[in-house]
Amino acid sequence: GTPLLVQILVINFGVVPLILGNSNSIVAGILALSLNSSAYIAENFR
């Protein structure tokens, strides 16, 4: 229900720095795409 672009920004500037201590575009990109796709794939599995 939320835009992927917003998720990428939040994860890169908010979540990843909390985990790694600083932003990392590669980690943030993979994490955001994985979390977003998992929501759609979950419905496919269900």
All heavy atoms as atom14 arrays in JSON, in Angstrom:
{
  "sequence": "GTPLLVQILVINFGVVPLILGNSNSIVAGILALSLNSSAYIAENFR",
  "atom14_mask": [
    [1, 1, 1, 1, 0, 0, 0, 0, 0, 0, 0, 0, 0, 0],
    [1, 1, 1, 1, 1, 1, 1, 0, 0, 0, 0, 0, 0, 0],
    [1, 1, 1, 1, 1, 1, 1, 0, 0, 0, 0, 0, 0, 0],
    [1, 1, 1, 1, 1, 1, 1, 1, 0, 0, 0, 0, 0, 0],
    [1, 1, 1, 1, 1, 1, 1, 1, 0, 0, 0, 0, 0, 0],
    [1, 1, 1, 1, 1, 1, 1, 0, 0, 0, 0, 0, 0, 0],
    [1, 1, 1, 1, 1, 1, 1, 1, 1, 0, 0, 0, 0, 0],
    [1, 1, 1, 1, 1, 1, 1, 1, 0, 0, 0, 0, 0, 0],
    [1, 1, 1, 1, 1, 1, 1, 1, 0, 0, 0, 0, 0, 0],
    [1, 1, 1, 1, 1, 1, 1, 0, 0, 0, 0, 0, 0, 0],
    [1, 1, 1, 1, 1, 1, 1, 1, 0, 0, 0, 0, 0, 0],
    [1, 1, 1, 1, 1, 1, 1, 1, 0, 0, 0, 0, 0, 0],
    [1, 1, 1, 1, 1, 1, 1, 1, 1, 1, 1, 0, 0, 0],
    [1, 1, 1, 1, 0, 0, 0, 0, 0, 0, 0, 0, 0, 0],
    [1, 1, 1, 1, 1, 1, 1, 0, 0, 0, 0, 0, 0, 0],
    [1, 1, 1, 1, 1, 1, 1, 0, 0, 0, 0, 0, 0, 0],
    [1, 1, 1, 1, 1, 1, 1, 0, 0, 0, 0, 0, 0, 0],
    [1, 1, 1, 1, 1, 1, 1, 1, 0, 0, 0, 0, 0, 0],
    [1, 1, 1, 1, 1, 1, 1, 1, 0, 0, 0, 0, 0, 0],
    [1, 1, 1, 1, 1, 1, 1, 1, 0, 0, 0, 0, 0, 0],
    [1, 1, 1, 1, 0, 0, 0, 0, 0, 0, 0, 0, 0, 0],
    [1, 1, 1, 1, 1, 1, 1, 1, 0, 0, 0, 0, 0, 0],
    [1, 1, 1, 1, 1, 1, 0, 0, 0, 0, 0, 0, 0, 0],
    [1, 1, 1, 1, 1, 1, 1, 1, 0, 0, 0, 0, 0, 0],
    [1, 1, 1, 1, 1, 1, 0, 0, 0, 0, 0, 0, 0, 0],
    [1, 1, 1, 1, 1, 1, 1, 1, 0, 0, 0, 0, 0, 0],
    [1, 1, 1, 1, 1, 1, 1, 0, 0, 0, 0, 0, 0, 0],
    [1, 1, 1, 1, 1, 0, 0, 0, 0, 0, 0, 0, 0, 0],
    [1, 1, 1, 1, 0, 0, 0, 0, 0, 0, 0, 0, 0, 0],
    [1, 1, 1, 1, 1, 1, 1, 1, 0, 0, 0, 0, 0, 0],
    [1, 1, 1, 1, 1, 1, 1, 1, 0, 0, 0, 0, 0, 0],
    [1, 1, 1, 1, 1, 0, 0, 0, 0, 0, 0, 0, 0, 0],
    [1, 1, 1, 1, 1, 1, 1, 1, 0, 0, 0, 0, 0, 0],
    [1, 1, 1, 1, 1, 1, 0, 0, 0, 0, 0, 0, 0, 0],
    [1, 1, 1, 1, 1, 1, 1, 1, 0, 0, 0, 0, 0, 0],
    [1, 1, 1, 1, 1, 1, 1, 1, 0, 0, 0, 0, 0, 0],
    [1, 1, 1, 1, 1, 1, 0, 0, 0, 0, 0, 0, 0, 0],
    [1, 1, 1, 1, 1, 1, 0, 0, 0, 0, 0, 0, 0, 0],
    [1, 1, 1, 1, 1, 0, 0, 0, 0, 0, 0, 0, 0, 0],
    [1, 1, 1, 1, 1, 1, 1, 1, 1, 1, 1, 1, 0, 0],
    [1, 1, 1, 1, 1, 1, 1, 1, 0, 0, 0, 0, 0, 0],
    [1, 1, 1, 1, 1, 0, 0, 0, 0, 0, 0, 0, 0, 0],
    [1, 1, 1, 1, 1, 1, 1, 1, 1, 0, 0, 0, 0, 0],
    [1, 1, 1, 1, 1, 1, 1, 1, 0, 0, 0, 0, 0, 0],
    [1, 1, 1, 1, 1, 1, 1, 1, 1, 1, 1, 0, 0, 0],
    [1, 1, 1, 1, 1, 1, 1, 1, 1, 1, 1, 0, 0, 0]
  ],
  "atom14_positions": [
    [[0.78, -1.24, 0.0], [0.0, 0.0, 0.0], [0.81, 1.27, 0.0], [0.24, 2.36, -0.04], [0.0, 0.0, 0.0], [0.0, 0.0, 0.0], [0.0, 0.0, 0.0], [0.0, 0.0, 0.0], [0.0, 0.0, 0.0], [0.0, 0.0, 0.0], [0.0, 0.0, 0.0], [0.0, 0.0, 0.0], [0.0, 0.0, 0.0], [0.0, 0.0, 0.0]],
    [[2.13, 1.16, 0.05], [2.99, 2.36, 0.03], [3.94, 2.28, -1.17], [4.31, 1.18, -1.6], [3.81, 2.48, 1.32], [4.58, 1.27, 1.52], [2.91, 2.68, 2.52], [0.0, 0.0, 0.0], [0.0, 0.0, 0.0], [0.0, 0.0, 0.0], [0.0, 0.0, 0.0], [0.0, 0.0, 0.0], [0.0, 0.0, 0.0], [0.0, 0.0, 0.0]],
    [[4.35, 3.44, -1.7], [5.22, 3.44, -2.89], [6.59, 2.84, -2.59], [7.18, 3.07, -1.53], [5.35, 4.93, -3.23], [4.2, 5.59, -2.56], [3.95, 4.8, -1.31], [0.0, 0.0, 0.0], [0.0, 0.0, 0.0], [0.0, 0.0, 0.0], [0.0, 0.0, 0.0], [0.0, 0.0, 0.0], [0.0, 0.0, 0.0], [0.0, 0.0, 0.0]],
    [[7.11, 2.08, -3.55], [8.43, 1.47, -3.4], [9.51, 2.54, -3.24], [10.47, 2.36, -2.48], [8.74, 0.6, -4.62], [10.14, -0.02, -4.68], [10.44, -0.85, -3.44], [10.28, -0.88, -5.94], [0.0, 0.0, 0.0], [0.0, 0.0, 0.0], [0.0, 0.0, 0.0], [0.0, 0.0, 0.0], [0.0, 0.0, 0.0], [0.0, 0.0, 0.0]],
    [[9.34, 3.67, -3.93], [10.33, 4.75, -3.83], [10.44, 5.25, -2.39], [11.55, 5.47, -1.88], [9.94, 5.9, -4.76], [10.87, 7.13, -4.73], [12.3, 6.74, -5.09], [10.35, 8.21, -5.68], [0.0, 0.0, 0.0], [0.0, 0.0, 0.0], [0.0, 0.0, 0.0], [0.0, 0.0, 0.0], [0.0, 0.0, 0.0], [0.0, 0.0, 0.0]],
    [[9.3, 5.41, -1.74], [9.31, 5.85, -0.34], [9.97, 4.8, 0.54], [10.75, 5.13, 1.45], [7.86, 6.13, 0.15], [7.84, 6.44, 1.64], [7.25, 7.28, -0.65], [0.0, 0.0, 0.0], [0.0, 0.0, 0.0], [0.0, 0.0, 0.0], [0.0, 0.0, 0.0], [0.0, 0.0, 0.0], [0.0, 0.0, 0.0], [0.0, 0.0, 0.0]],
    [[9.69, 3.54, 0.28], [10.3, 2.47, 1.06], [11.82, 2.48, 0.91], [12.56, 2.29, 1.89], [9.73, 1.12, 0.61], [8.24, 0.96, 0.87], [7.66, -0.24, 0.16], [8.37, -1.16, -0.26], [6.34, -0.25, -0.02], [0.0, 0.0, 0.0], [0.0, 0.0, 0.0], [0.0, 0.0, 0.0], [0.0, 0.0, 0.0], [0.0, 0.0, 0.0]],
    [[12.31, 2.7, -0.3], [13.75, 2.76, -0.55], [14.39, 3.9, 0.24], [15.44, 3.72, 0.87], [14.03, 2.92, -2.06], [13.66, 1.63, -2.81], [15.5, 3.26, -2.3], [13.76, 1.75, -4.31], [0.0, 0.0, 0.0], [0.0, 0.0, 0.0], [0.0, 0.0, 0.0], [0.0, 0.0, 0.0], [0.0, 0.0, 0.0], [0.0, 0.0, 0.0]],
    [[13.75, 5.05, 0.22], [14.3, 6.21, 0.93], [14.32, 6.0, 2.44], [15.3, 6.31, 3.11], [13.48, 7.46, 0.58], [13.58, 7.94, -0.88], [12.59, 9.08, -1.13], [14.99, 8.39, -1.22], [0.0, 0.0, 0.0], [0.0, 0.0, 0.0], [0.0, 0.0, 0.0], [0.0, 0.0, 0.0], [0.0, 0.0, 0.0], [0.0, 0.0, 0.0]],
    [[13.22, 5.46, 2.97], [13.14, 5.22, 4.42], [14.19, 4.2, 4.85], [14.88, 4.38, 5.86], [11.73, 4.75, 4.82], [11.71, 4.27, 6.27], [10.72, 5.87, 4.62], [0.0, 0.0, 0.0], [0.0, 0.0, 0.0], [0.0, 0.0, 0.0], [0.0, 0.0, 0.0], [0.0, 0.0, 0.0], [0.0, 0.0, 0.0], [0.0, 0.0, 0.0]],
    [[14.31, 3.13, 4.08], [15.26, 2.08, 4.44], [16.7, 2.57, 4.31], [17.55, 2.27, 5.16], [15.02, 0.83, 3.56], [13.7, 0.17, 3.96], [16.18, -0.16, 3.69], [13.28, -0.98, 3.07], [0.0, 0.0, 0.0], [0.0, 0.0, 0.0], [0.0, 0.0, 0.0], [0.0, 0.0, 0.0], [0.0, 0.0, 0.0], [0.0, 0.0, 0.0]],
    [[16.99, 3.35, 3.26], [18.36, 3.82, 3.06], [18.79, 4.85, 4.1], [19.91, 4.79, 4.63], [18.5, 4.42, 1.65], [19.92, 4.87, 1.36], [20.84, 4.05, 1.28], [20.13, 6.17, 1.22], [0.0, 0.0, 0.0], [0.0, 0.0, 0.0], [0.0, 0.0, 0.0], [0.0, 0.0, 0.0], [0.0, 0.0, 0.0], [0.0, 0.0, 0.0]],
    [[17.91, 5.8, 4.39], [18.28, 6.89, 5.29], [17.84, 6.67, 6.75], [18.28, 7.4, 7.64], [17.7, 8.21, 4.79], [18.25, 8.63, 3.45], [17.44, 8.61, 2.32], [19.57, 9.02, 3.31], [17.94, 8.98, 1.07], [20.08, 9.39, 2.08], [19.27, 9.37, 0.95], [0.0, 0.0, 0.0], [0.0, 0.0, 0.0], [0.0, 0.0, 0.0]],
    [[16.99, 5.66, 6.96], [16.51, 5.42, 8.31], [16.9, 4.08, 8.89], [17.53, 4.0, 9.94], [0.0, 0.0, 0.0], [0.0, 0.0, 0.0], [0.0, 0.0, 0.0], [0.0, 0.0, 0.0], [0.0, 0.0, 0.0], [0.0, 0.0, 0.0], [0.0, 0.0, 0.0], [0.0, 0.0, 0.0], [0.0, 0.0, 0.0], [0.0, 0.0, 0.0]],
    [[16.55, 3.0, 8.17], [16.74, 1.65, 8.71], [18.2, 1.21, 8.63], [18.78, 0.76, 9.63], [15.85, 0.63, 7.97], [16.12, -0.78, 8.47], [14.38, 1.0, 8.13], [0.0, 0.0, 0.0], [0.0, 0.0, 0.0], [0.0, 0.0, 0.0], [0.0, 0.0, 0.0], [0.0, 0.0, 0.0], [0.0, 0.0, 0.0], [0.0, 0.0, 0.0]],
    [[18.8, 1.31, 7.46], [20.18, 0.83, 7.28], [21.17, 1.55, 8.18], [22.05, 0.9, 8.78], [20.6, 0.94, 5.79], [22.09, 0.63, 5.63], [19.77, -0.03, 4.94], [0.0, 0.0, 0.0], [0.0, 0.0, 0.0], [0.0, 0.0, 0.0], [0.0, 0.0, 0.0], [0.0, 0.0, 0.0], [0.0, 0.0, 0.0], [0.0, 0.0, 0.0]],
    [[21.1, 2.89, 8.33], [22.03, 3.54, 9.26], [21.92, 3.04, 10.7], [22.91, 3.01, 11.43], [21.64, 5.02, 9.16], [21.06, 5.16, 7.78], [20.33, 3.88, 7.56], [0.0, 0.0, 0.0], [0.0, 0.0, 0.0], [0.0, 0.0, 0.0], [0.0, 0.0, 0.0], [0.0, 0.0, 0.0], [0.0, 0.0, 0.0], [0.0, 0.0, 0.0]],
    [[20.7, 2.64, 11.11], [20.53, 2.1, 12.45], [21.23, 0.75, 12.6], [21.71, 0.4, 13.69], [19.04, 1.94, 12.77], [18.24, 3.23, 12.99], [16.77, 2.9, 13.2], [18.78, 4.01, 14.17], [0.0, 0.0, 0.0], [0.0, 0.0, 0.0], [0.0, 0.0, 0.0], [0.0, 0.0, 0.0], [0.0, 0.0, 0.0], [0.0, 0.0, 0.0]],
    [[21.29, 0.01, 11.5], [21.89, -1.33, 11.55], [23.39, -1.28, 11.31], [24.17, -1.89, 12.05], [21.23, -2.24, 10.49], [19.73, -2.37, 10.78], [21.89, -3.62, 10.5], [18.96, -3.12, 9.71], [0.0, 0.0, 0.0], [0.0, 0.0, 0.0], [0.0, 0.0, 0.0], [0.0, 0.0, 0.0], [0.0, 0.0, 0.0], [0.0, 0.0, 0.0]],
    [[23.81, -0.52, 10.28], [25.22, -0.5, 9.88], [25.99, 0.71, 10.4], [27.22, 0.74, 10.33], [25.32, -0.54, 8.35], [24.69, -1.74, 7.64], [24.89, -1.64, 6.15], [25.25, -3.06, 8.17], [0.0, 0.0, 0.0], [0.0, 0.0, 0.0], [0.0, 0.0, 0.0], [0.0, 0.0, 0.0], [0.0, 0.0, 0.0], [0.0, 0.0, 0.0]],
    [[25.26, 1.72, 10.88], [25.93, 2.92, 11.34], [26.01, 4.01, 10.31], [26.29, 5.17, 10.62], [0.0, 0.0, 0.0], [0.0, 0.0, 0.0], [0.0, 0.0, 0.0], [0.0, 0.0, 0.0], [0.0, 0.0, 0.0], [0.0, 0.0, 0.0], [0.0, 0.0, 0.0], [0.0, 0.0, 0.0], [0.0, 0.0, 0.0], [0.0, 0.0, 0.0]],
    [[25.76, 3.65, 9.04], [25.72, 4.64, 7.96], [24.92, 4.05, 6.81], [24.69, 2.84, 6.74], [27.14, 4.99, 7.5], [27.89, 3.78, 6.97], [28.28, 2.9, 7.74], [28.08, 3.7, 5.67], [0.0, 0.0, 0.0], [0.0, 0.0, 0.0], [0.0, 0.0, 0.0], [0.0, 0.0, 0.0], [0.0, 0.0, 0.0], [0.0, 0.0, 0.0]],
    [[24.5, 4.91, 5.89], [23.7, 4.44, 4.77], [24.56, 3.67, 3.78], [25.75, 3.95, 3.63], [23.02, 5.62, 4.05], [23.99, 6.51, 3.55], [0.0, 0.0, 0.0], [0.0, 0.0, 0.0], [0.0, 0.0, 0.0], [0.0, 0.0, 0.0], [0.0, 0.0, 0.0], [0.0, 0.0, 0.0], [0.0, 0.0, 0.0], [0.0, 0.0, 0.0]],
    [[23.97, 2.69, 3.14], [24.64, 1.88, 2.12], [23.64, 1.61, 1.02], [22.66, 0.88, 1.23], [25.16, 0.58, 2.74], [25.95, -0.27, 1.77], [25.48, -0.62, 0.69], [27.18, -0.59, 2.15], [0.0, 0.0, 0.0], [0.0, 0.0, 0.0], [0.0, 0.0, 0.0], [0.0, 0.0, 0.0], [0.0, 0.0, 0.0], [0.0, 0.0, 0.0]],
    [[23.85, 2.2, -0.14], [22.86, 2.14, -1.21], [22.61, 0.72, -1.7], [21.48, 0.37, -2.06], [23.29, 3.03, -2.38], [24.53, 2.59, -2.93], [0.0, 0.0, 0.0], [0.0, 0.0, 0.0], [0.0, 0.0, 0.0], [0.0, 0.0, 0.0], [0.0, 0.0, 0.0], [0.0, 0.0, 0.0], [0.0, 0.0, 0.0], [0.0, 0.0, 0.0]],
    [[23.65, -0.1, -1.76], [23.48, -1.47, -2.25], [22.66, -2.3, -1.27], [21.71, -2.99, -1.65], [24.86, -2.12, -2.5], [25.59, -1.38, -3.62], [24.7, -3.6, -2.85], [26.98, -1.88, -3.89], [0.0, 0.0, 0.0], [0.0, 0.0, 0.0], [0.0, 0.0, 0.0], [0.0, 0.0, 0.0], [0.0, 0.0, 0.0], [0.0, 0.0, 0.0]],
    [[23.01, -2.23, 0.01], [22.26, -2.97, 1.04], [20.82, -2.46, 1.09], [19.87, -3.26, 1.16], [22.93, -2.81, 2.42], [22.06, -3.43, 3.51], [24.31, -3.46, 2.41], [0.0, 0.0, 0.0], [0.0, 0.0, 0.0], [0.0, 0.0, 0.0], [0.0, 0.0, 0.0], [0.0, 0.0, 0.0], [0.0, 0.0, 0.0], [0.0, 0.0, 0.0]],
    [[20.66, -1.15, 1.07], [19.32, -0.57, 1.15], [18.48, -0.96, -0.06], [17.28, -1.26, 0.07], [19.41, 0.95, 1.26], [0.0, 0.0, 0.0], [0.0, 0.0, 0.0], [0.0, 0.0, 0.0], [0.0, 0.0, 0.0], [0.0, 0.0, 0.0], [0.0, 0.0, 0.0], [0.0, 0.0, 0.0], [0.0, 0.0, 0.0], [0.0, 0.0, 0.0]],
    [[19.09, -0.94, -1.25], [18.37, -1.3, -2.46], [17.88, -2.73, -2.43], [16.71, -3.02, -2.73], [0.0, 0.0, 0.0], [0.0, 0.0, 0.0], [0.0, 0.0, 0.0], [0.0, 0.0, 0.0], [0.0, 0.0, 0.0], [0.0, 0.0, 0.0], [0.0, 0.0, 0.0], [0.0, 0.0, 0.0], [0.0, 0.0, 0.0], [0.0, 0.0, 0.0]],
    [[18.78, -3.65, -2.06], [18.41, -5.06, -1.99], [17.35, -5.29, -0.91], [16.37, -6.03, -1.12], [19.65, -5.92, -1.71], [20.58, -5.91, -2.93], [19.25, -7.36, -1.36], [21.88, -6.63, -2.71], [0.0, 0.0, 0.0], [0.0, 0.0, 0.0], [0.0, 0.0, 0.0], [0.0, 0.0, 0.0], [0.0, 0.0, 0.0], [0.0, 0.0, 0.0]],
    [[17.53, -4.66, 0.25], [16.58, -4.84, 1.35], [15.2, -4.33, 0.97], [14.19, -5.01, 1.21], [17.09, -4.12, 2.59], [16.26, -4.26, 3.87], [16.1, -5.73, 4.25], [16.9, -3.48, 5.01], [0.0, 0.0, 0.0], [0.0, 0.0, 0.0], [0.0, 0.0, 0.0], [0.0, 0.0, 0.0], [0.0, 0.0, 0.0], [0.0, 0.0, 0.0]],
    [[15.14, -3.15, 0.38], [13.85, -2.56, 0.01], [13.15, -3.4, -1.06], [11.94, -3.68, -0.96], [14.04, -1.13, -0.48], [0.0, 0.0, 0.0], [0.0, 0.0, 0.0], [0.0, 0.0, 0.0], [0.0, 0.0, 0.0], [0.0, 0.0, 0.0], [0.0, 0.0, 0.0], [0.0, 0.0, 0.0], [0.0, 0.0, 0.0], [0.0, 0.0, 0.0]],
    [[13.89, -3.81, -2.08], [13.29, -4.62, -3.15], [12.83, -5.98, -2.62], [11.78, -6.49, -3.02], [14.3, -4.81, -4.28], [14.64, -3.57, -5.11], [15.81, -3.83, -6.04], [13.42, -3.12, -5.92], [0.0, 0.0, 0.0], [0.0, 0.0, 0.0], [0.0, 0.0, 0.0], [0.0, 0.0, 0.0], [0.0, 0.0, 0.0], [0.0, 0.0, 0.0]],
    [[13.61, -6.56, -1.71], [13.26, -7.87, -1.14], [12.0, -7.78, -0.29], [11.09, -8.62, -0.42], [14.42, -8.4, -0.29], [15.59, -8.57, -1.06], [0.0, 0.0, 0.0], [0.0, 0.0, 0.0], [0.0, 0.0, 0.0], [0.0, 0.0, 0.0], [0.0, 0.0, 0.0], [0.0, 0.0, 0.0], [0.0, 0.0, 0.0], [0.0, 0.0, 0.0]],
    [[11.94, -6.78, 0.57], [10.77, -6.63, 1.44], [9.52, -6.33, 0.63], [8.44, -6.85, 0.9], [11.02, -5.52, 2.46], [12.13, -5.79, 3.49], [12.33, -4.57, 4.38], [11.8, -7.01, 4.34], [0.0, 0.0, 0.0], [0.0, 0.0, 0.0], [0.0, 0.0, 0.0], [0.0, 0.0, 0.0], [0.0, 0.0, 0.0], [0.0, 0.0, 0.0]],
    [[9.67, -5.46, -0.37], [8.53, -5.11, -1.21], [8.03, -6.31, -2.0], [6.82, -6.59, -2.03], [8.91, -3.97, -2.15], [7.75, -3.53, -3.03], [7.56, -4.05, -4.11], [6.98, -2.56, -2.55], [0.0, 0.0, 0.0], [0.0, 0.0, 0.0], [0.0, 0.0, 0.0], [0.0, 0.0, 0.0], [0.0, 0.0, 0.0], [0.0, 0.0, 0.0]],
    [[8.95, -7.04, -2.63], [8.54, -8.18, -3.44], [7.95, -9.3, -2.59], [7.05, -10.02, -3.02], [9.72, -8.71, -4.25], [10.72, -9.25, -3.41], [0.0, 0.0, 0.0], [0.0, 0.0, 0.0], [0.0, 0.0, 0.0], [0.0, 0.0, 0.0], [0.0, 0.0, 0.0], [0.0, 0.0, 0.0], [0.0, 0.0, 0.0], [0.0, 0.0, 0.0]],
    [[8.45, -9.45, -1.35], [7.95, -10.52, -0.49], [6.46, -10.35, -0.19], [5.74, -11.35, -0.02], [8.74, -10.56, 0.82], [8.48, -9.42, 1.63], [0.0, 0.0, 0.0], [0.0, 0.0, 0.0], [0.0, 0.0, 0.0], [0.0, 0.0, 0.0], [0.0, 0.0, 0.0], [0.0, 0.0, 0.0], [0.0, 0.0, 0.0], [0.0, 0.0, 0.0]],
    [[5.99, -9.11, -0.13], [4.58, -8.87, 0.14], [3.72, -9.37, -1.02], [2.63, -9.94, -0.81], [4.33, -7.38, 0.38], [0.0, 0.0, 0.0], [0.0, 0.0, 0.0], [0.0, 0.0, 0.0], [0.0, 0.0, 0.0], [0.0, 0.0, 0.0], [0.0, 0.0, 0.0], [0.0, 0.0, 0.0], [0.0, 0.0, 0.0], [0.0, 0.0, 0.0]],
    [[4.19, -9.17, -2.24], [3.44, -9.64, -3.41], [3.58, -11.15, -3.58], [2.62, -11.84, -3.93], [3.93, -8.92, -4.67], [3.58, -7.46, -4.7], [4.44, -6.5, -4.16], [2.38, -7.03, -5.25], [4.1, -5.15, -4.17], [2.04, -5.68, -5.28], [2.91, -4.75, -4.73], [2.58, -3.41, -4.74], [0.0, 0.0, 0.0], [0.0, 0.0, 0.0]],
    [[4.78, -11.66, -3.34], [5.01, -13.1, -3.46], [4.22, -13.86, -2.41], [3.75, -14.97, -2.66], [6.52, -13.4, -3.34], [7.26, -12.81, -4.55], [6.76, -14.91, -3.26], [8.77, -12.91, -4.45], [0.0, 0.0, 0.0], [0.0, 0.0, 0.0], [0.0, 0.0, 0.0], [0.0, 0.0, 0.0], [0.0, 0.0, 0.0], [0.0, 0.0, 0.0]],
    [[4.06, -13.27, -1.22], [3.26, -13.9, -0.17], [1.84, -14.15, -0.64], [1.26, -15.22, -0.39], [3.26, -13.03, 1.09], [0.0, 0.0, 0.0], [0.0, 0.0, 0.0], [0.0, 0.0, 0.0], [0.0, 0.0, 0.0], [0.0, 0.0, 0.0], [0.0, 0.0, 0.0], [0.0, 0.0, 0.0], [0.0, 0.0, 0.0], [0.0, 0.0, 0.0]],
    [[1.27, -13.19, -1.34], [-0.09, -13.35, -1.86], [-0.13, -14.42, -2.94], [-1.11, -15.17, -3.05], [-0.6, -12.02, -2.41], [-0.96, -11.01, -1.34], [-2.09, -11.52, -0.46], [-3.25, -11.52, -0.9], [-1.8, -11.95, 0.68], [0.0, 0.0, 0.0], [0.0, 0.0, 0.0], [0.0, 0.0, 0.0], [0.0, 0.0, 0.0], [0.0, 0.0, 0.0]],
    [[0.94, -14.51, -3.75], [1.0, -15.56, -4.76], [1.06, -16.94, -4.12], [0.38, -17.87, -4.56], [2.23, -15.35, -5.66], [2.15, -14.09, -6.49], [1.06, -13.61, -6.79], [3.29, -13.54, -6.86], [0.0, 0.0, 0.0], [0.0, 0.0, 0.0], [0.0, 0.0, 0.0], [0.0, 0.0, 0.0], [0.0, 0.0, 0.0], [0.0, 0.0, 0.0]],
    [[1.88, -17.06, -3.08], [1.97, -18.33, -2.36], [0.63, -18.69, -1.72], [0.19, -19.84, -1.77], [3.06, -18.27, -1.29], [4.39, -18.76, -1.74], [5.47, -17.9, -1.84], [4.58, -20.09, -2.07], [6.71, -18.34, -2.26], [5.82, -20.56, -2.5], [6.89, -19.68, -2.59], [0.0, 0.0, 0.0], [0.0, 0.0, 0.0], [0.0, 0.0, 0.0]],
    [[0.02, -17.71, -1.09], [-1.26, -17.97, -0.4], [-2.31, -18.47, -1.38], [-2.98, -19.48, -1.12], [-1.75, -16.71, 0.29], [-3.06, -16.89, 1.07], [-3.62, -15.55, 1.51], [-3.87, -14.67, 0.39], [-4.95, -14.76, -0.41], [-5.85, -15.73, -0.21], [-5.1, -13.93, -1.41], [0.0, 0.0, 0.0], [0.0, 0.0, 0.0], [0.0, 0.0, 0.0]]
  ]
}
